[in-house]
Amino acid sequence: MARTVIIFGPTGAVGSAAARTASALGATVILAMRDTEKPIPGLSASDEKANAFTRVHADLTKSDTVHNAVLTTQATHAFIYVAFGTADNMKATLHALQSAGIELVVFLSSFTVGGDLAAIQPTDMIPYAHAQVEMNLLEVFGEKGFVAVRPGTFASNTLQYKRGLEQGVIKIFGLDMTVDCIVPEDIGRVCGTVLAKGPQDDQRAIYLYGPKLMSQLEAVKIIGNALGRDPKIEECDAQGAYKLFVAEGGFPAPIAEYMVRQTQKAFGAGEDQVFGYKIDREHLGNVEKYSGKKSTTFQEWVEQEKGMFVS
């Protein structure tokens, strides 16, 4: 009998890939969405019908909708992400999942989470938000009831350079800061595999990175080469970066402050780090280890998605 999995947020690149992967591996897939009419990237209406995907309404910030979605579909495995806006760091949502019948949760966390989770400070907003949910997962589901997938810096983060590419000038804070540019599709493929097949080992925190580390400058040059453009690169200071993150990136001030502070930590931190966080280079092979397929290089992704960098 096929395992029934429920994907919260299937309209996102990672959620969509997780749904398609789980289905390809034989799972019955439920698509839990706030707007059930919204198109899902990479999944055509004909493929959705042919592979018996089912759409249900649910909102991770509203535990009653989560409970109803799981109960009515009888799903046993769930994919979730951080739903900002809950006062309890999703604890009520997690209880709703558990009481409705979910046995295993695959949580899209962050590579910024590590060490003593309780020691992560609220000022480090990204790791703090994910760590709080991970601790709640441990409390509600126990150590064998969830897998935290902790991906590195998304390849799609480089879309922040789109405007600069068009104008011919790109401003960067921390030219030499190391990034990994993991492709969202690869993250989703790992998540979907764990959902459909279950954990492959006792590892309950899976770090995922792109296959090769590079500097921010190298990443921009790869994009420029693919587009046939040679933009001027200007390095900005901390104050300029903050303004860039808030004014052009649209980030809330506390997140912009965190990003500036963390980038400064990367200065002189060496090669075995991403965004200032130390990494284990063995984890660069985890996409293939946990999905059975090699990870996509950043160059390959840029070639595939060149249209995203052009208005």
C-alpha atoms as a PDB file:
ATOM      1  CA  MET A   1       0.000   0.000   0.000  1.00  0.00           C
ATOM      2  CA  ALA A   2       1.376   3.414  -1.024  1.00  0.00           C
ATOM      3  CA  ARG A   3       2.425   5.792   1.711  1.00  0.00           C
ATOM      4  CA  THR A   4       0.362   8.981   1.846  1.00  0.00           C
ATOM      5  CA  VAL A   5       2.393  12.152   2.262  1.00  0.00           C
ATOM      6  CA  ILE A   6       1.181  15.724   2.583  1.00  0.00           C
ATOM      7  CA  ILE A   7       3.199  18.649   1.248  1.00  0.00           C
ATOM      8  CA  PHE A   8       2.567  22.035   2.837  1.00  0.00           C
ATOM      9  CA  GLY A   9       3.654  24.802   0.478  1.00  0.00           C
ATOM     10  CA  PRO A  10       3.811  22.907  -2.850  1.00  0.00           C
ATOM     11  CA  THR A  11       3.846  26.162  -4.829  1.00  0.00           C
ATOM     12  CA  GLY A  12       7.384  26.842  -3.633  1.00  0.00           C
ATOM     13  CA  ALA A  13      10.340  25.459  -5.585  1.00  0.00           C
ATOM     14  CA  VAL A  14      11.369  23.074  -2.793  1.00  0.00           C
ATOM     15  CA  GLY A  15       7.833  21.952  -1.976  1.00  0.00           C
ATOM     16  CA  SER A  16       7.022  21.322  -5.630  1.00  0.00           C
ATOM     17  CA  ALA A  17      10.142  19.203  -6.115  1.00  0.00           C
ATOM     18  CA  ALA A  18       9.401  17.282  -2.906  1.00  0.00           C
ATOM     19  CA  ALA A  19       5.872  16.530  -4.120  1.00  0.00           C
ATOM     20  CA  ARG A  20       6.975  15.377  -7.562  1.00  0.00           C
ATOM     21  CA  THR A  21       9.794  13.252  -6.155  1.00  0.00           C
ATOM     22  CA  ALA A  22       7.597  11.535  -3.571  1.00  0.00           C
ATOM     23  CA  SER A  23       5.006  10.774  -6.258  1.00  0.00           C
ATOM     24  CA  ALA A  24       7.642   9.354  -8.614  1.00  0.00           C
ATOM     25  CA  LEU A  25       8.780   7.066  -5.787  1.00  0.00           C
ATOM     26  CA  GLY A  26       5.277   5.650  -5.373  1.00  0.00           C
ATOM     27  CA  ALA A  27       3.760   7.795  -2.641  1.00  0.00           C
ATOM     28  CA  THR A  28       0.247   9.184  -2.750  1.00  0.00           C
ATOM     29  CA  VAL A  29       0.752  12.940  -2.541  1.00  0.00           C
ATOM     30  CA  ILE A  30      -1.535  15.534  -0.988  1.00  0.00           C
ATOM     31  CA  LEU A  31      -0.933  19.187  -1.849  1.00  0.00           C
ATOM     32  CA  ALA A  32      -1.849  21.386   1.125  1.00  0.00           C
ATOM     33  CA  MET A  33      -2.308  25.002   0.075  1.00  0.00           C
ATOM     34  CA  ARG A  34      -3.754  28.277   1.284  1.00  0.00           C
ATOM     35  CA  ASP A  35      -5.053  28.890  -2.246  1.00  0.00           C
ATOM     36  CA  THR A  36      -6.005  25.611  -3.890  1.00  0.00           C
ATOM     37  CA  GLU A  37      -6.367  27.299  -7.284  1.00  0.00           C
ATOM     38  CA  LYS A  38      -2.767  28.471  -7.445  1.00  0.00           C
ATOM     39  CA  PRO A  39      -0.545  26.842 -10.105  1.00  0.00           C
ATOM     40  CA  ILE A  40       2.320  24.634  -8.969  1.00  0.00           C
ATOM     41  CA  PRO A  41       5.662  25.109 -10.723  1.00  0.00           C
ATOM     42  CA  GLY A  42       6.900  22.034 -12.541  1.00  0.00           C
ATOM     43  CA  LEU A  43       3.556  20.259 -12.264  1.00  0.00           C
ATOM     44  CA  SER A  44       1.134  20.546 -15.170  1.00  0.00           C
ATOM     45  CA  ALA A  45      -2.602  20.009 -14.749  1.00  0.00           C
ATOM     46  CA  SER A  46      -2.400  16.846 -16.859  1.00  0.00           C
ATOM     47  CA  ASP A  47       0.463  15.400 -14.784  1.00  0.00           C
ATOM     48  CA  GLU A  48      -1.331  16.326 -11.584  1.00  0.00           C
ATOM     49  CA  LYS A  49      -4.406  14.416 -12.732  1.00  0.00           C
ATOM     50  CA  ALA A  50      -2.496  11.463 -14.173  1.00  0.00           C
ATOM     51  CA  ASN A  51      -0.530  10.951 -10.964  1.00  0.00           C
ATOM     52  CA  ALA A  52      -3.543  11.396  -8.684  1.00  0.00           C
ATOM     53  CA  PHE A  53      -2.324  14.402  -6.725  1.00  0.00           C
ATOM     54  CA  THR A  54      -4.999  15.780  -4.409  1.00  0.00           C
ATOM     55  CA  ARG A  55      -5.336  19.425  -3.357  1.00  0.00           C
ATOM     56  CA  VAL A  56      -6.619  20.429   0.061  1.00  0.00           C
ATOM     57  CA  HIS A  57      -6.890  23.753   1.836  1.00  0.00           C
ATOM     58  CA  ALA A  58      -4.540  24.329   4.778  1.00  0.00           C
ATOM     59  CA  ASP A  59      -2.569  27.128   6.383  1.00  0.00           C
ATOM     60  CA  LEU A  60       0.378  26.298   8.659  1.00  0.00           C
ATOM     61  CA  THR A  61      -0.439  29.313  10.830  1.00  0.00           C
ATOM     62  CA  LYS A  62      -3.944  27.918  11.498  1.00  0.00           C
ATOM     63  CA  SER A  63      -3.708  24.622  13.334  1.00  0.00           C
ATOM     64  CA  ASP A  64      -7.362  23.665  12.791  1.00  0.00           C
ATOM     65  CA  THR A  65      -6.908  23.708   9.002  1.00  0.00           C
ATOM     66  CA  VAL A  66      -3.754  21.607   9.364  1.00  0.00           C
ATOM     67  CA  HIS A  67      -5.558  19.048  11.529  1.00  0.00           C
ATOM     68  CA  ASN A  68      -8.466  18.796   9.090  1.00  0.00           C
ATOM     69  CA  ALA A  69      -6.187  18.433   6.054  1.00  0.00           C
ATOM     70  CA  VAL A  70      -4.289  15.540   7.595  1.00  0.00           C
ATOM     71  CA  LEU A  71      -7.332  13.850   9.110  1.00  0.00           C
ATOM     72  CA  THR A  72      -9.389  13.890   5.897  1.00  0.00           C
ATOM     73  CA  THR A  73      -6.534  12.630   3.715  1.00  0.00           C
ATOM     74  CA  GLN A  74      -5.088  10.133   6.235  1.00  0.00           C
ATOM     75  CA  ALA A  75      -1.550  11.258   5.480  1.00  0.00           C
ATOM     76  CA  THR A  76       1.190   9.807   7.663  1.00  0.00           C
ATOM     77  CA  HIS A  77       4.229  11.810   6.528  1.00  0.00           C
ATOM     78  CA  ALA A  78       4.392  15.599   6.165  1.00  0.00           C
ATOM     79  CA  PHE A  79       6.683  18.220   4.650  1.00  0.00           C
ATOM     80  CA  ILE A  80       6.624  21.606   6.390  1.00  0.00           C
ATOM     81  CA  TYR A  81       8.597  24.849   6.548  1.00  0.00           C
ATOM     82  CA  VAL A  82       8.802  27.734   9.016  1.00  0.00           C
ATOM     83  CA  ALA A  83       5.480  29.566   9.073  1.00  0.00           C
ATOM     84  CA  PHE A  84       6.257  32.992  10.464  1.00  0.00           C
ATOM     85  CA  GLY A  85       3.508  34.661  12.418  1.00  0.00           C
ATOM     86  CA  THR A  86       2.783  32.019  15.043  1.00  0.00           C
ATOM     87  CA  ALA A  87       3.249  33.093  18.660  1.00  0.00           C
ATOM     88  CA  ASP A  88       4.330  29.601  19.763  1.00  0.00           C
ATOM     89  CA  ASN A  89       6.883  28.797  17.050  1.00  0.00           C
ATOM     90  CA  MET A  90       4.420  26.406  15.403  1.00  0.00           C
ATOM     91  CA  LYS A  91       3.897  24.221  18.469  1.00  0.00           C
ATOM     92  CA  ALA A  92       0.100  24.199  18.043  1.00  0.00           C
ATOM     93  CA  THR A  93       0.550  23.304  14.379  1.00  0.00           C
ATOM     94  CA  LEU A  94       2.872  20.437  15.277  1.00  0.00           C
ATOM     95  CA  HIS A  95       0.402  19.111  17.830  1.00  0.00           C
ATOM     96  CA  ALA A  96      -2.306  19.312  15.141  1.00  0.00           C
ATOM     97  CA  LEU A  97      -0.155  17.247  12.785  1.00  0.00           C
ATOM     98  CA  GLN A  98       0.608  14.663  15.444  1.00  0.00           C
ATOM     99  CA  SER A  99      -2.946  14.293  16.739  1.00  0.00           C
ATOM    100  CA  ALA A 100      -4.311  13.921  13.198  1.00  0.00           C
ATOM    101  CA  GLY A 101      -2.014  10.997  12.423  1.00  0.00           C
ATOM    102  CA  ILE A 102       1.338  12.277  11.142  1.00  0.00           C
ATOM    103  CA  GLU A 103       4.140   9.903  12.100  1.00  0.00           C
ATOM    104  CA  LEU A 104       7.122  11.600  10.439  1.00  0.00           C
ATOM    105  CA  VAL A 105       7.772  15.262   9.634  1.00  0.00           C
ATOM    106  CA  VAL A 106      10.367  16.450   7.139  1.00  0.00           C
ATOM    107  CA  PHE A 107      11.151  20.028   8.120  1.00  0.00           C
ATOM    108  CA  LEU A 108      12.828  22.511   5.784  1.00  0.00           C
ATOM    109  CA  SER A 109      15.286  24.078   8.204  1.00  0.00           C
ATOM    110  CA  SER A 110      18.546  25.965   7.625  1.00  0.00           C
ATOM    111  CA  PHE A 111      22.284  25.270   7.565  1.00  0.00           C
ATOM    112  CA  THR A 112      22.627  28.147  10.023  1.00  0.00           C
ATOM    113  CA  VAL A 113      21.222  25.878  12.749  1.00  0.00           C
ATOM    114  CA  GLY A 114      23.763  23.881  14.734  1.00  0.00           C
ATOM    115  CA  GLY A 115      25.287  23.212  18.134  1.00  0.00           C
ATOM    116  CA  ASP A 116      23.181  23.935  21.202  1.00  0.00           C
ATOM    117  CA  LEU A 117      19.875  25.023  19.671  1.00  0.00           C
ATOM    118  CA  ALA A 118      18.672  26.546  22.939  1.00  0.00           C
ATOM    119  CA  ALA A 119      21.706  28.863  22.954  1.00  0.00           C
ATOM    120  CA  ILE A 120      20.866  30.490  19.602  1.00  0.00           C
ATOM    121  CA  GLN A 121      19.878  34.091  20.232  1.00  0.00           C
ATOM    122  CA  PRO A 122      16.762  35.843  18.849  1.00  0.00           C
ATOM    123  CA  THR A 123      18.978  38.476  17.235  1.00  0.00           C
ATOM    124  CA  ASP A 124      20.240  35.744  14.902  1.00  0.00           C
ATOM    125  CA  MET A 125      16.823  35.666  13.343  1.00  0.00           C
ATOM    126  CA  ILE A 126      17.177  32.994  10.679  1.00  0.00           C
ATOM    127  CA  PRO A 127      18.815  30.264  12.793  1.00  0.00           C
ATOM    128  CA  TYR A 128      16.704  31.216  15.813  1.00  0.00           C
ATOM    129  CA  ALA A 129      13.377  30.817  14.001  1.00  0.00           C
ATOM    130  CA  HIS A 130      14.327  27.425  12.590  1.00  0.00           C
ATOM    131  CA  ALA A 131      15.896  26.205  15.833  1.00  0.00           C
ATOM    132  CA  GLN A 132      12.734  27.007  17.786  1.00  0.00           C
ATOM    133  CA  VAL A 133      10.667  24.848  15.450  1.00  0.00           C
ATOM    134  CA  GLU A 134      13.237  22.039  15.584  1.00  0.00           C
ATOM    135  CA  MET A 135      13.092  22.045  19.388  1.00  0.00           C
ATOM    136  CA  ASN A 136       9.302  21.929  19.263  1.00  0.00           C
ATOM    137  CA  LEU A 137       9.461  19.039  16.812  1.00  0.00           C
ATOM    138  CA  LEU A 138      11.662  17.141  19.251  1.00  0.00           C
ATOM    139  CA  GLU A 139       9.198  17.805  22.057  1.00  0.00           C
ATOM    140  CA  VAL A 140       6.087  16.826  20.081  1.00  0.00           C
ATOM    141  CA  PHE A 141       7.364  14.019  17.828  1.00  0.00           C
ATOM    142  CA  GLY A 142      10.447  12.741  19.635  1.00  0.00           C
ATOM    143  CA  GLU A 143      13.885  12.279  18.119  1.00  0.00           C
ATOM    144  CA  LYS A 144      12.717   9.620  15.633  1.00  0.00           C
ATOM    145  CA  GLY A 145       9.618  11.502  14.528  1.00  0.00           C
ATOM    146  CA  PHE A 146      11.214  14.136  12.322  1.00  0.00           C
ATOM    147  CA  VAL A 147      14.081  14.908   9.969  1.00  0.00           C
ATOM    148  CA  ALA A 148      15.430  18.459   9.762  1.00  0.00           C
ATOM    149  CA  VAL A 149      16.786  19.187   6.300  1.00  0.00           C
ATOM    150  CA  ARG A 150      19.293  22.045   6.594  1.00  0.00           C
ATOM    151  CA  PRO A 151      20.178  23.462   3.150  1.00  0.00           C
ATOM    152  CA  GLY A 152      22.829  26.074   2.482  1.00  0.00           C
ATOM    153  CA  THR A 153      22.552  29.271   0.447  1.00  0.00           C
ATOM    154  CA  PHE A 154      19.961  28.909  -2.306  1.00  0.00           C
ATOM    155  CA  ALA A 155      21.057  29.401  -5.918  1.00  0.00           C
ATOM    156  CA  SER A 156      17.947  31.521  -6.343  1.00  0.00           C
ATOM    157  CA  ASN A 157      19.356  34.015  -3.818  1.00  0.00           C
ATOM    158  CA  THR A 158      21.516  35.300  -6.665  1.00  0.00           C
ATOM    159  CA  LEU A 159      18.445  36.817  -8.277  1.00  0.00           C
ATOM    160  CA  GLN A 160      19.278  39.774  -6.030  1.00  0.00           C
ATOM    161  CA  TYR A 161      21.821  40.673  -8.723  1.00  0.00           C
ATOM    162  CA  LYS A 162      19.224  40.916 -11.504  1.00  0.00           C
ATOM    163  CA  ARG A 163      18.794  44.685 -11.256  1.00  0.00           C
ATOM    164  CA  GLY A 164      22.540  45.242 -11.134  1.00  0.00           C
ATOM    165  CA  LEU A 165      23.057  43.036 -14.190  1.00  0.00           C
ATOM    166  CA  GLU A 166      20.533  45.101 -16.097  1.00  0.00           C
ATOM    167  CA  GLN A 167      22.088  48.402 -14.979  1.00  0.00           C
ATOM    168  CA  GLY A 168      25.645  47.219 -15.513  1.00  0.00           C
ATOM    169  CA  VAL A 169      26.779  47.721 -11.896  1.00  0.00           C
ATOM    170  CA  ILE A 170      26.500  45.168  -9.087  1.00  0.00           C
ATOM    171  CA  LYS A 171      27.181  46.111  -5.477  1.00  0.00           C
ATOM    172  CA  ILE A 172      28.300  43.306  -3.178  1.00  0.00           C
ATOM    173  CA  PHE A 173      29.107  43.207   0.518  1.00  0.00           C
ATOM    174  CA  GLY A 174      31.838  40.642   1.093  1.00  0.00           C
ATOM    175  CA  LEU A 175      33.157  39.764  -2.365  1.00  0.00           C
ATOM    176  CA  ASP A 176      35.121  36.799  -1.008  1.00  0.00           C
ATOM    177  CA  MET A 177      32.418  35.450   1.276  1.00  0.00           C
ATOM    178  CA  THR A 178      31.824  31.787   0.486  1.00  0.00           C
ATOM    179  CA  VAL A 179      28.458  30.530  -0.731  1.00  0.00           C
ATOM    180  CA  ASP A 180      27.362  27.156  -2.105  1.00  0.00           C
ATOM    181  CA  CYS A 181      24.338  28.054  -4.260  1.00  0.00           C
ATOM    182  CA  ILE A 182      22.372  24.845  -3.785  1.00  0.00           C
ATOM    183  CA  VAL A 183      19.549  24.385  -6.280  1.00  0.00           C
ATOM    184  CA  PRO A 184      16.042  24.302  -4.702  1.00  0.00           C
ATOM    185  CA  GLU A 185      15.080  21.338  -6.904  1.00  0.00           C
ATOM    186  CA  ASP A 186      17.862  19.284  -5.307  1.00  0.00           C
ATOM    187  CA  ILE A 187      16.672  20.182  -1.806  1.00  0.00           C
ATOM    188  CA  GLY A 188      13.143  19.128  -2.689  1.00  0.00           C
ATOM    189  CA  ARG A 189      14.381  15.892  -4.207  1.00  0.00           C
ATOM    190  CA  VAL A 190      16.041  14.937  -0.919  1.00  0.00           C
ATOM    191  CA  CYS A 191      12.926  15.915   1.055  1.00  0.00           C
ATOM    192  CA  GLY A 192      10.668  13.927  -1.260  1.00  0.00           C
ATOM    193  CA  THR A 193      12.903  10.878  -1.042  1.00  0.00           C
ATOM    194  CA  VAL A 194      12.864  10.907   2.762  1.00  0.00           C
ATOM    195  CA  LEU A 195       9.076  11.343   2.734  1.00  0.00           C
ATOM    196  CA  ALA A 196       8.513   8.417   0.372  1.00  0.00           C
ATOM    197  CA  LYS A 197      11.184   6.024   1.635  1.00  0.00           C
ATOM    198  CA  GLY A 198      11.663   7.146   5.220  1.00  0.00           C
ATOM    199  CA  PRO A 199      15.012   8.066   6.814  1.00  0.00           C
ATOM    200  CA  GLN A 200      17.956   6.138   5.338  1.00  0.00           C
ATOM    201  CA  ASP A 201      19.980   6.242   8.539  1.00  0.00           C
ATOM    202  CA  ASP A 202      19.871   7.636  12.045  1.00  0.00           C
ATOM    203  CA  GLN A 203      20.811  11.099  10.834  1.00  0.00           C
ATOM    204  CA  ARG A 204      17.954  13.398  11.847  1.00  0.00           C
ATOM    205  CA  ALA A 205      19.647  16.597  10.696  1.00  0.00           C
ATOM    206  CA  ILE A 206      20.722  16.511   7.054  1.00  0.00           C
ATOM    207  CA  TYR A 207      22.956  19.321   5.863  1.00  0.00           C
ATOM    208  CA  LEU A 208      22.707  19.984   2.127  1.00  0.00           C
ATOM    209  CA  TYR A 209      24.982  22.145  -0.007  1.00  0.00           C
ATOM    210  CA  GLY A 210      25.708  22.719  -3.646  1.00  0.00           C
ATOM    211  CA  PRO A 211      28.514  20.532  -5.054  1.00  0.00           C
ATOM    212  CA  LYS A 212      31.107  23.327  -5.043  1.00  0.00           C
ATOM    213  CA  LEU A 213      31.825  26.271  -2.775  1.00  0.00           C
ATOM    214  CA  MET A 214      32.526  29.639  -4.392  1.00  0.00           C
ATOM    215  CA  SER A 215      32.871  33.281  -3.507  1.00  0.00           C
ATOM    216  CA  GLN A 216      30.058  35.733  -4.138  1.00  0.00           C
ATOM    217  CA  LEU A 217      32.274  37.285  -6.801  1.00  0.00           C
ATOM    218  CA  GLU A 218      32.692  33.934  -8.573  1.00  0.00           C
ATOM    219  CA  ALA A 219      28.929  33.399  -8.508  1.00  0.00           C
ATOM    220  CA  VAL A 220      28.310  36.769 -10.168  1.00  0.00           C
ATOM    221  CA  LYS A 221      30.910  36.042 -12.847  1.00  0.00           C
ATOM    222  CA  ILE A 222      29.222  32.716 -13.634  1.00  0.00           C
ATOM    223  CA  ILE A 223      25.909  34.513 -14.129  1.00  0.00           C
ATOM    224  CA  GLY A 224      27.538  37.218 -16.228  1.00  0.00           C
ATOM    225  CA  ASN A 225      29.242  34.671 -18.478  1.00  0.00           C
ATOM    226  CA  ALA A 226      25.987  32.791 -19.019  1.00  0.00           C
ATOM    227  CA  LEU A 227      24.187  36.002 -19.964  1.00  0.00           C
ATOM    228  CA  GLY A 228      27.047  37.383 -22.019  1.00  0.00           C
ATOM    229  CA  ARG A 229      27.404  40.389 -19.732  1.00  0.00           C
ATOM    230  CA  ASP A 230      30.346  41.914 -17.902  1.00  0.00           C
ATOM    231  CA  PRO A 231      28.948  44.158 -15.177  1.00  0.00           C
ATOM    232  CA  LYS A 232      31.117  46.424 -13.066  1.00  0.00           C
ATOM    233  CA  ILE A 233      31.531  44.979  -9.559  1.00  0.00           C
ATOM    234  CA  GLU A 234      31.625  47.367  -6.618  1.00  0.00           C
ATOM    235  CA  GLU A 235      32.224  46.260  -3.036  1.00  0.00           C
ATOM    236  CA  CYS A 236      30.110  48.145  -0.526  1.00  0.00           C
ATOM    237  CA  ASP A 237      30.661  48.590   3.197  1.00  0.00           C
ATOM    238  CA  ALA A 238      28.410  47.487   6.048  1.00  0.00           C
ATOM    239  CA  GLN A 239      26.325  50.650   5.973  1.00  0.00           C
ATOM    240  CA  GLY A 240      25.855  50.408   2.225  1.00  0.00           C
ATOM    241  CA  ALA A 241      24.943  46.728   2.516  1.00  0.00           C
ATOM    242  CA  TYR A 242      22.296  47.476   5.130  1.00  0.00           C
ATOM    243  CA  LYS A 243      20.709  50.065   2.855  1.00  0.00           C
ATOM    244  CA  LEU A 244      20.905  47.633  -0.057  1.00  0.00           C
ATOM    245  CA  PHE A 245      19.209  44.840   1.887  1.00  0.00           C
ATOM    246  CA  VAL A 246      16.403  47.080   3.149  1.00  0.00           C
ATOM    247  CA  ALA A 247      15.787  49.399   0.190  1.00  0.00           C
ATOM    248  CA  GLU A 248      16.318  46.999  -2.704  1.00  0.00           C
ATOM    249  CA  GLY A 249      16.030  43.602  -1.057  1.00  0.00           C
ATOM    250  CA  GLY A 250      12.943  44.492   0.932  1.00  0.00           C
ATOM    251  CA  PHE A 251      14.242  42.779   4.057  1.00  0.00           C
ATOM    252  CA  PRO A 252      12.948  43.864   7.486  1.00  0.00           C
ATOM    253  CA  ALA A 253      15.546  45.828   9.437  1.00  0.00           C
ATOM    254  CA  PRO A 254      16.336  43.058  11.991  1.00  0.00           C
ATOM    255  CA  ILE A 255      17.043  40.539   9.212  1.00  0.00           C
ATOM    256  CA  ALA A 256      19.181  43.065   7.336  1.00  0.00           C
ATOM    257  CA  GLU A 257      21.173  43.686  10.523  1.00  0.00           C
ATOM    258  CA  TYR A 258      21.667  39.944  10.990  1.00  0.00           C
ATOM    259  CA  MET A 259      22.833  39.522   7.388  1.00  0.00           C
ATOM    260  CA  VAL A 260      25.362  42.334   7.704  1.00  0.00           C
ATOM    261  CA  ARG A 261      26.642  41.020  11.036  1.00  0.00           C
ATOM    262  CA  GLN A 262      26.943  37.455   9.768  1.00  0.00           C
ATOM    263  CA  THR A 263      28.703  38.505   6.570  1.00  0.00           C
ATOM    264  CA  GLN A 264      31.276  40.352   8.692  1.00  0.00           C
ATOM    265  CA  LYS A 265      31.910  37.112  10.581  1.00  0.00           C
ATOM    266  CA  ALA A 266      32.811  35.479   7.269  1.00  0.00           C
ATOM    267  CA  PHE A 267      35.728  37.871   6.704  1.00  0.00           C
ATOM    268  CA  GLY A 268      38.900  35.850   7.194  1.00  0.00           C
ATOM    269  CA  ALA A 269      36.952  32.739   8.234  1.00  0.00           C
ATOM    270  CA  GLY A 270      38.695  30.545   5.654  1.00  0.00           C
ATOM    271  CA  GLU A 271      37.326  28.310   2.912  1.00  0.00           C
ATOM    272  CA  ASP A 272      35.445  25.701   4.950  1.00  0.00           C
ATOM    273  CA  GLN A 273      32.518  27.993   5.670  1.00  0.00           C
ATOM    274  CA  VAL A 274      29.336  29.226   4.064  1.00  0.00           C
ATOM    275  CA  PHE A 275      28.030  32.689   5.020  1.00  0.00           C
ATOM    276  CA  GLY A 276      30.394  32.599   7.975  1.00  0.00           C
ATOM    277  CA  TYR A 277      29.179  29.229   9.279  1.00  0.00           C
ATOM    278  CA  LYS A 278      31.709  26.404   9.472  1.00  0.00           C
ATOM    279  CA  ILE A 279      30.791  23.378   7.369  1.00  0.00           C
ATOM    280  CA  ASP A 280      31.886  19.779   6.919  1.00  0.00           C
ATOM    281  CA  ARG A 281      33.006  19.299   3.301  1.00  0.00           C
ATOM    282  CA  GLU A 282      31.697  15.725   3.350  1.00  0.00           C
ATOM    283  CA  HIS A 283      28.231  17.270   3.388  1.00  0.00           C
ATOM    284  CA  LEU A 284      28.805  18.600  -0.136  1.00  0.00           C
ATOM    285  CA  GLY A 285      27.903  15.093  -1.310  1.00  0.00           C
ATOM    286  CA  ASN A 286      24.733  14.729   0.743  1.00  0.00           C
ATOM    287  CA  VAL A 287      22.339  15.529  -2.112  1.00  0.00           C
ATOM    288  CA  GLU A 288      23.531  12.443  -3.957  1.00  0.00           C
ATOM    289  CA  LYS A 289      23.793  10.411  -0.752  1.00  0.00           C
ATOM    290  CA  TYR A 290      20.185  11.022   0.269  1.00  0.00           C
ATOM    291  CA  SER A 291      18.484  11.291  -3.141  1.00  0.00           C
ATOM    292  CA  GLY A 292      20.505   8.915  -5.290  1.00  0.00           C
ATOM    293  CA  LYS A 293      21.195  11.615  -7.904  1.00  0.00           C
ATOM    294  CA  LYS A 294      24.084  14.011  -8.295  1.00  0.00           C
ATOM    295  CA  SER A 295      23.486  17.594  -7.302  1.00  0.00           C
ATOM    296  CA  THR A 296      23.080  20.300  -9.913  1.00  0.00           C
ATOM    297  CA  THR A 297      26.005  22.661 -10.369  1.00  0.00           C
ATOM    298  CA  PHE A 298      25.427  26.387 -10.139  1.00  0.00           C
ATOM    299  CA  GLN A 299      26.530  26.781 -13.752  1.00  0.00           C
ATOM    300  CA  GLU A 300      23.916  24.247 -14.865  1.00  0.00           C
ATOM    301  CA  TRP A 301      21.194  26.002 -12.889  1.00  0.00           C
ATOM    302  CA  VAL A 302      22.068  29.415 -14.322  1.00  0.00           C
ATOM    303  CA  GLU A 303      21.953  28.027 -17.858  1.00  0.00           C
ATOM    304  CA  GLN A 304      18.552  26.480 -17.162  1.00  0.00           C
ATOM    305  CA  GLU A 305      17.149  29.603 -15.529  1.00  0.00           C
ATOM    306  CA  LYS A 306      18.736  32.410 -17.561  1.00  0.00           C
ATOM    307  CA  GLY A 307      15.301  33.879 -18.240  1.00  0.00           C
ATOM    308  CA  MET A 308      14.877  34.657 -14.537  1.00  0.00           C
ATOM    309  CA  PHE A 309      17.708  37.168 -14.720  1.00  0.00           C
ATOM    310  CA  VAL A 310      16.164  39.072 -17.644  1.00  0.00           C
ATOM    311  CA  SER A 311      13.133  41.358 -17.394  1.00  0.00           C
END
